[in-house]
PDB file of all heavy atoms in Angstrom:
ATOM      1  N   ALA A   1       6.849 -15.074  -6.547  1.00  0.00           N
ATOM      2  CA  ALA A   1       7.546 -16.334  -6.190  1.00  0.00           C
ATOM      3  C   ALA A   1       9.063 -16.138  -6.267  1.00  0.00           C
ATOM      4  O   ALA A   1       9.817 -16.625  -5.405  1.00  0.00           O
ATOM      5  CB  ALA A   1       7.092 -17.447  -7.085  1.00  0.00           C
ATOM      6  N   LYS A   2       9.524 -15.482  -7.314  1.00  0.00           N
ATOM      7  CA  LYS A   2      10.954 -15.324  -7.487  1.00  0.00           C
ATOM      8  C   LYS A   2      11.587 -14.441  -6.388  1.00  0.00           C
ATOM      9  O   LYS A   2      12.740 -14.652  -6.011  1.00  0.00           O
ATOM     10  CB  LYS A   2      11.193 -14.652  -8.875  1.00  0.00           C
ATOM     11  CG  LYS A   2      12.658 -14.496  -9.249  1.00  0.00           C
ATOM     12  CD  LYS A   2      12.805 -13.886 -10.641  1.00  0.00           C
ATOM     13  CE  LYS A   2      14.215 -13.680 -11.054  1.00  0.00           C
ATOM     14  NZ  LYS A   2      14.346 -13.115 -12.407  1.00  0.00           N
ATOM     15  N   SER A   3      10.790 -13.521  -5.852  1.00  0.00           N
ATOM     16  CA  SER A   3      11.309 -12.588  -4.850  1.00  0.00           C
ATOM     17  C   SER A   3      11.511 -13.244  -3.481  1.00  0.00           C
ATOM     18  O   SER A   3      12.235 -12.695  -2.647  1.00  0.00           O
ATOM     19  CB  SER A   3      10.362 -11.411  -4.674  1.00  0.00           C
ATOM     20  OG  SER A   3       9.186 -11.838  -3.943  1.00  0.00           O
ATOM     21  N   GLY A   4      10.880 -14.380  -3.225  1.00  0.00           N
ATOM     22  CA  GLY A   4      10.961 -15.007  -1.945  1.00  0.00           C
ATOM     23  C   GLY A   4      10.052 -14.381  -0.929  1.00  0.00           C
ATOM     24  O   GLY A   4      10.210 -14.662   0.309  1.00  0.00           O
ATOM     25  N   TYR A   5       9.144 -13.518  -1.332  1.00  0.00           N
ATOM     26  CA  TYR A   5       8.194 -12.874  -0.415  1.00  0.00           C
ATOM     27  C   TYR A   5       7.412 -13.913   0.326  1.00  0.00           C
ATOM     28  O   TYR A   5       6.876 -14.862  -0.258  1.00  0.00           O
ATOM     29  CB  TYR A   5       7.326 -11.929  -1.228  1.00  0.00           C
ATOM     30  CG  TYR A   5       6.154 -11.294  -0.469  1.00  0.00           C
ATOM     31  CD1 TYR A   5       6.339 -10.396   0.539  1.00  0.00           C
ATOM     32  CD2 TYR A   5       4.832 -11.671  -0.814  1.00  0.00           C
ATOM     33  CE1 TYR A   5       5.251  -9.809   1.202  1.00  0.00           C
ATOM     34  CE2 TYR A   5       3.734 -11.096  -0.197  1.00  0.00           C
ATOM     35  CZ  TYR A   5       3.976 -10.169   0.820  1.00  0.00           C
ATOM     36  OH  TYR A   5       2.902  -9.624   1.477  1.00  0.00           O
ATOM     37  N   LYS A   6       7.220 -13.740   1.660  1.00  0.00           N
ATOM     38  CA  LYS A   6       6.556 -14.740   2.528  1.00  0.00           C
ATOM     39  C   LYS A   6       5.190 -14.299   3.033  1.00  0.00           C
ATOM     40  O   LYS A   6       4.682 -14.820   3.971  1.00  0.00           O
ATOM     41  CB  LYS A   6       7.476 -15.008   3.709  1.00  0.00           C
ATOM     42  CG  LYS A   6       8.869 -15.510   3.361  1.00  0.00           C
ATOM     43  CD  LYS A   6       8.846 -16.836   2.570  1.00  0.00           C
ATOM     44  CE  LYS A   6      10.262 -17.328   2.309  1.00  0.00           C
ATOM     45  NZ  LYS A   6      10.274 -18.517   1.420  1.00  0.00           N
ATOM     46  N   GLY A   7       4.645 -13.291   2.376  1.00  0.00           N
ATOM     47  CA  GLY A   7       3.305 -12.833   2.821  1.00  0.00           C
ATOM     48  C   GLY A   7       3.288 -11.814   3.916  1.00  0.00           C
ATOM     49  O   GLY A   7       2.208 -11.527   4.418  1.00  0.00           O
ATOM     50  N   GLN A   8       4.428 -11.203   4.204  1.00  0.00           N
ATOM     51  CA  GLN A   8       4.442 -10.175   5.308  1.00  0.00           C
ATOM     52  C   GLN A   8       3.518  -9.029   4.873  1.00  0.00           C
ATOM     53  O   GLN A   8       3.400  -8.671   3.693  1.00  0.00           O
ATOM     54  CB  GLN A   8       5.890  -9.648   5.459  1.00  0.00           C
ATOM     55  CG  GLN A   8       6.959 -10.675   5.771  1.00  0.00           C
ATOM     56  CD  GLN A   8       7.671 -11.108   4.549  1.00  0.00           C
ATOM     57  OE1 GLN A   8       7.115 -11.438   3.513  1.00  0.00           O
ATOM     58  NE2 GLN A   8       9.014 -11.122   4.635  1.00  0.00           N
ATOM     59  N   THR A   9       2.948  -8.395   5.910  1.00  0.00           N
ATOM     60  CA  THR A   9       2.090  -7.215   5.661  1.00  0.00           C
ATOM     61  C   THR A   9       2.945  -6.032   5.304  1.00  0.00           C
ATOM     62  O   THR A   9       3.871  -5.697   6.022  1.00  0.00           O
ATOM     63  CB  THR A   9       1.272  -6.894   6.876  1.00  0.00           C
ATOM     64  OG1 THR A   9       0.392  -7.998   7.194  1.00  0.00           O
ATOM     65  CG2 THR A   9       0.410  -5.679   6.670  1.00  0.00           C
ATOM     66  N   LEU A  10       2.667  -5.406   4.184  1.00  0.00           N
ATOM     67  CA  LEU A  10       3.346  -4.192   3.738  1.00  0.00           C
ATOM     68  C   LEU A  10       2.442  -3.013   4.117  1.00  0.00           C
ATOM     69  O   LEU A  10       1.275  -2.943   3.700  1.00  0.00           O
ATOM     70  CB  LEU A  10       3.603  -4.224   2.243  1.00  0.00           C
ATOM     71  CG  LEU A  10       4.368  -5.426   1.708  1.00  0.00           C
ATOM     72  CD1 LEU A  10       4.582  -5.356   0.213  1.00  0.00           C
ATOM     73  CD2 LEU A  10       5.760  -5.560   2.435  1.00  0.00           C
ATOM     74  N   ILE A  11       3.000  -2.053   4.856  1.00  0.00           N
ATOM     75  CA  ILE A  11       2.241  -0.904   5.324  1.00  0.00           C
ATOM     76  C   ILE A  11       2.351   0.248   4.348  1.00  0.00           C
ATOM     77  O   ILE A  11       3.474   0.635   3.935  1.00  0.00           O
ATOM     78  CB  ILE A  11       2.748  -0.434   6.731  1.00  0.00           C
ATOM     79  CG1 ILE A  11       2.673  -1.597   7.709  1.00  0.00           C
ATOM     80  CG2 ILE A  11       1.932   0.775   7.187  1.00  0.00           C
ATOM     81  CD1 ILE A  11       1.271  -2.167   7.906  1.00  0.00           C
ATOM     82  N   TRP A  12       1.200   0.779   3.942  1.00  0.00           N
ATOM     83  CA  TRP A  12       1.146   1.886   2.950  1.00  0.00           C
ATOM     84  C   TRP A  12       0.569   3.103   3.666  1.00  0.00           C
ATOM     85  O   TRP A  12      -0.579   3.075   4.085  1.00  0.00           O
ATOM     86  CB  TRP A  12       0.232   1.490   1.785  1.00  0.00           C
ATOM     87  CG  TRP A  12       0.195   2.476   0.659  1.00  0.00           C
ATOM     88  CD1 TRP A  12       0.916   3.568   0.457  1.00  0.00           C
ATOM     89  CD2 TRP A  12      -0.598   2.303  -0.545  1.00  0.00           C
ATOM     90  NE1 TRP A  12       0.614   4.179  -0.713  1.00  0.00           N
ATOM     91  CE2 TRP A  12      -0.277   3.403  -1.366  1.00  0.00           C
ATOM     92  CE3 TRP A  12      -1.543   1.346  -0.956  1.00  0.00           C
ATOM     93  CZ2 TRP A  12      -0.924   3.617  -2.626  1.00  0.00           C
ATOM     94  CZ3 TRP A  12      -2.166   1.539  -2.190  1.00  0.00           C
ATOM     95  CH2 TRP A  12      -1.843   2.633  -3.013  1.00  0.00           C
ATOM     96  N   HIS A  13       1.390   4.126   3.819  1.00  0.00           N
ATOM     97  CA  HIS A  13       0.938   5.373   4.480  1.00  0.00           C
ATOM     98  C   HIS A  13       0.384   6.322   3.456  1.00  0.00           C
ATOM     99  O   HIS A  13       1.054   6.680   2.460  1.00  0.00           O
ATOM    100  CB  HIS A  13       2.124   6.004   5.262  1.00  0.00           C
ATOM    101  CG  HIS A  13       2.376   5.403   6.581  1.00  0.00           C
ATOM    102  ND1 HIS A  13       3.238   5.906   7.472  1.00  0.00           N
ATOM    103  CD2 HIS A  13       1.837   4.319   7.193  1.00  0.00           C
ATOM    104  CE1 HIS A  13       3.281   5.200   8.570  1.00  0.00           C
ATOM    105  NE2 HIS A  13       2.427   4.191   8.396  1.00  0.00           N
ATOM    106  N   ILE A  14      -0.849   6.795   3.722  1.00  0.00           N
ATOM    107  CA  ILE A  14      -1.585   7.669   2.756  1.00  0.00           C
ATOM    108  C   ILE A  14      -2.171   8.822   3.579  1.00  0.00           C
ATOM    109  O   ILE A  14      -2.851   8.568   4.601  1.00  0.00           O
ATOM    110  CB  ILE A  14      -2.711   6.919   2.045  1.00  0.00           C
ATOM    111  CG1 ILE A  14      -2.108   5.726   1.233  1.00  0.00           C
ATOM    112  CG2 ILE A  14      -3.491   7.840   1.096  1.00  0.00           C
ATOM    113  CD1 ILE A  14      -3.150   4.771   0.720  1.00  0.00           C
ATOM    114  N   THR A  15      -1.942  10.033   3.140  1.00  0.00           N
ATOM    115  CA  THR A  15      -2.604  11.175   3.780  1.00  0.00           C
ATOM    116  C   THR A  15      -4.037  11.224   3.360  1.00  0.00           C
ATOM    117  O   THR A  15      -4.340  11.399   2.170  1.00  0.00           O
ATOM    118  CB  THR A  15      -1.857  12.497   3.453  1.00  0.00           C
ATOM    119  OG1 THR A  15      -0.468  12.385   3.782  1.00  0.00           O
ATOM    120  CG2 THR A  15      -2.477  13.675   4.212  1.00  0.00           C
ATOM    121  N   ARG A  16      -4.934  11.090   4.291  1.00  0.00           N
ATOM    122  CA  ARG A  16      -6.335  10.899   3.989  1.00  0.00           C
ATOM    123  C   ARG A  16      -6.934  12.099   3.215  1.00  0.00           C
ATOM    124  O   ARG A  16      -6.748  13.222   3.576  1.00  0.00           O
ATOM    125  CB  ARG A  16      -7.084  10.759   5.310  1.00  0.00           C
ATOM    126  CG  ARG A  16      -8.559  10.345   5.202  1.00  0.00           C
ATOM    127  CD  ARG A  16      -9.299  10.525   6.501  1.00  0.00           C
ATOM    128  NE  ARG A  16      -8.573  10.095   7.657  1.00  0.00           N
ATOM    129  CZ  ARG A  16      -8.518   8.840   8.115  1.00  0.00           C
ATOM    130  NH1 ARG A  16      -9.198   7.915   7.496  1.00  0.00           N
ATOM    131  NH2 ARG A  16      -7.805   8.567   9.215  1.00  0.00           N
ATOM    132  N   ASN A  17      -7.622  11.761   2.133  1.00  0.00           N
ATOM    133  CA  ASN A  17      -8.446  12.728   1.351  1.00  0.00           C
ATOM    134  C   ASN A  17      -7.626  13.907   0.841  1.00  0.00           C
ATOM    135  O   ASN A  17      -8.191  14.960   0.540  1.00  0.00           O
ATOM    136  CB  ASN A  17      -9.619  13.332   2.217  1.00  0.00           C
ATOM    137  CG  ASN A  17     -10.618  12.213   2.571  1.00  0.00           C
ATOM    138  OD1 ASN A  17     -10.857  11.295   1.788  1.00  0.00           O
ATOM    139  ND2 ASN A  17     -11.243  12.386   3.741  1.00  0.00           N
ATOM    140  N   PHE A  18      -6.340  13.713   0.648  1.00  0.00           N
ATOM    141  CA  PHE A  18      -5.514  14.857   0.143  1.00  0.00           C
ATOM    142  C   PHE A  18      -5.544  14.990  -1.326  1.00  0.00           C
ATOM    143  O   PHE A  18      -5.675  16.087  -1.876  1.00  0.00           O
ATOM    144  CB  PHE A  18      -4.061  14.718   0.671  1.00  0.00           C
ATOM    145  CG  PHE A  18      -3.276  15.945   0.381  1.00  0.00           C
ATOM    146  CD1 PHE A  18      -3.383  17.072   1.186  1.00  0.00           C
ATOM    147  CD2 PHE A  18      -2.369  16.020  -0.699  1.00  0.00           C
ATOM    148  CE1 PHE A  18      -2.660  18.234   0.927  1.00  0.00           C
ATOM    149  CE2 PHE A  18      -1.653  17.148  -0.964  1.00  0.00           C
ATOM    150  CZ  PHE A  18      -1.780  18.264  -0.135  1.00  0.00           C
ATOM    151  N   TRP A  19      -5.420  13.850  -2.054  1.00  0.00           N
ATOM    152  CA  TRP A  19      -5.467  13.882  -3.488  1.00  0.00           C
ATOM    153  C   TRP A  19      -6.798  13.302  -4.034  1.00  0.00           C
ATOM    154  O   TRP A  19      -7.213  12.251  -3.487  1.00  0.00           O
ATOM    155  CB  TRP A  19      -4.320  13.026  -4.102  1.00  0.00           C
ATOM    156  CG  TRP A  19      -2.981  13.508  -3.743  1.00  0.00           C
ATOM    157  CD1 TRP A  19      -2.237  14.504  -4.298  1.00  0.00           C
ATOM    158  CD2 TRP A  19      -2.133  12.984  -2.696  1.00  0.00           C
ATOM    159  NE1 TRP A  19      -1.027  14.619  -3.697  1.00  0.00           N
ATOM    160  CE2 TRP A  19      -0.906  13.730  -2.693  1.00  0.00           C
ATOM    161  CE3 TRP A  19      -2.282  11.968  -1.733  1.00  0.00           C
ATOM    162  CZ2 TRP A  19       0.116  13.449  -1.797  1.00  0.00           C
ATOM    163  CZ3 TRP A  19      -1.281  11.716  -0.835  1.00  0.00           C
ATOM    164  CH2 TRP A  19      -0.065  12.444  -0.873  1.00  0.00           C
ATOM    165  N   THR A  20      -7.401  13.948  -4.936  1.00  0.00           N
ATOM    166  CA  THR A  20      -8.688  13.484  -5.446  1.00  0.00           C
ATOM    167  C   THR A  20      -8.629  12.059  -5.868  1.00  0.00           C
ATOM    168  O   THR A  20      -7.780  11.684  -6.727  1.00  0.00           O
ATOM    169  CB  THR A  20      -9.135  14.405  -6.638  1.00  0.00           C
ATOM    170  OG1 THR A  20      -9.224  15.731  -6.161  1.00  0.00           O
ATOM    171  CG2 THR A  20     -10.452  13.921  -7.164  1.00  0.00           C
ATOM    172  N   ASN A  21      -9.462  11.227  -5.305  1.00  0.00           N
ATOM    173  CA  ASN A  21      -9.661   9.810  -5.670  1.00  0.00           C
ATOM    174  C   ASN A  21      -8.452   8.880  -5.307  1.00  0.00           C
ATOM    175  O   ASN A  21      -8.499   7.692  -5.612  1.00  0.00           O
ATOM    176  CB  ASN A  21      -9.991   9.611  -7.163  1.00  0.00           C
ATOM    177  CG  ASN A  21     -11.344  10.143  -7.547  1.00  0.00           C
ATOM    178  OD1 ASN A  21     -12.225  10.250  -6.686  1.00  0.00           O
ATOM    179  ND2 ASN A  21     -11.572  10.492  -8.802  1.00  0.00           N
ATOM    180  N   TYR A  22      -7.436   9.421  -4.660  1.00  0.00           N
ATOM    181  CA  TYR A  22      -6.310   8.540  -4.309  1.00  0.00           C
ATOM    182  C   TYR A  22      -6.732   7.466  -3.340  1.00  0.00           C
ATOM    183  O   TYR A  22      -6.362   6.289  -3.495  1.00  0.00           O
ATOM    184  CB  TYR A  22      -5.176   9.384  -3.706  1.00  0.00           C
ATOM    185  CG  TYR A  22      -3.838   8.679  -3.662  1.00  0.00           C
ATOM    186  CD1 TYR A  22      -2.781   9.090  -4.465  1.00  0.00           C
ATOM    187  CD2 TYR A  22      -3.585   7.587  -2.788  1.00  0.00           C
ATOM    188  CE1 TYR A  22      -1.569   8.488  -4.444  1.00  0.00           C
ATOM    189  CE2 TYR A  22      -2.372   6.950  -2.793  1.00  0.00           C
ATOM    190  CZ  TYR A  22      -1.318   7.410  -3.616  1.00  0.00           C
ATOM    191  OH  TYR A  22      -0.119   6.758  -3.594  1.00  0.00           O
ATOM    192  N   ASP A  23      -7.576   7.787  -2.342  1.00  0.00           N
ATOM    193  CA  ASP A  23      -7.973   6.824  -1.368  1.00  0.00           C
ATOM    194  C   ASP A  23      -8.786   5.704  -2.032  1.00  0.00           C
ATOM    195  O   ASP A  23      -8.562   4.490  -1.685  1.00  0.00           O
ATOM    196  CB  ASP A  23      -8.820   7.452  -0.257  1.00  0.00           C
ATOM    197  CG  ASP A  23      -8.054   8.560   0.511  1.00  0.00           C
ATOM    198  OD1 ASP A  23      -6.994   8.965   0.040  1.00  0.00           O
ATOM    199  OD2 ASP A  23      -8.502   8.934   1.585  1.00  0.00           O
ATOM    200  N   ALA A  24      -9.638   6.059  -2.919  1.00  0.00           N
ATOM    201  CA  ALA A  24     -10.445   5.056  -3.662  1.00  0.00           C
ATOM    202  C   ALA A  24      -9.549   4.152  -4.539  1.00  0.00           C
ATOM    203  O   ALA A  24      -9.690   2.932  -4.569  1.00  0.00           O
ATOM    204  CB  ALA A  24     -11.522   5.715  -4.493  1.00  0.00           C
TER     205      ALA A  24
END
């Protein structure tokens, strides 16, 4: 609430299956 965030979608880029259990 303090940040003024309005619900915009934040995109998280992850290299698939590279680090054990990161995707999960």
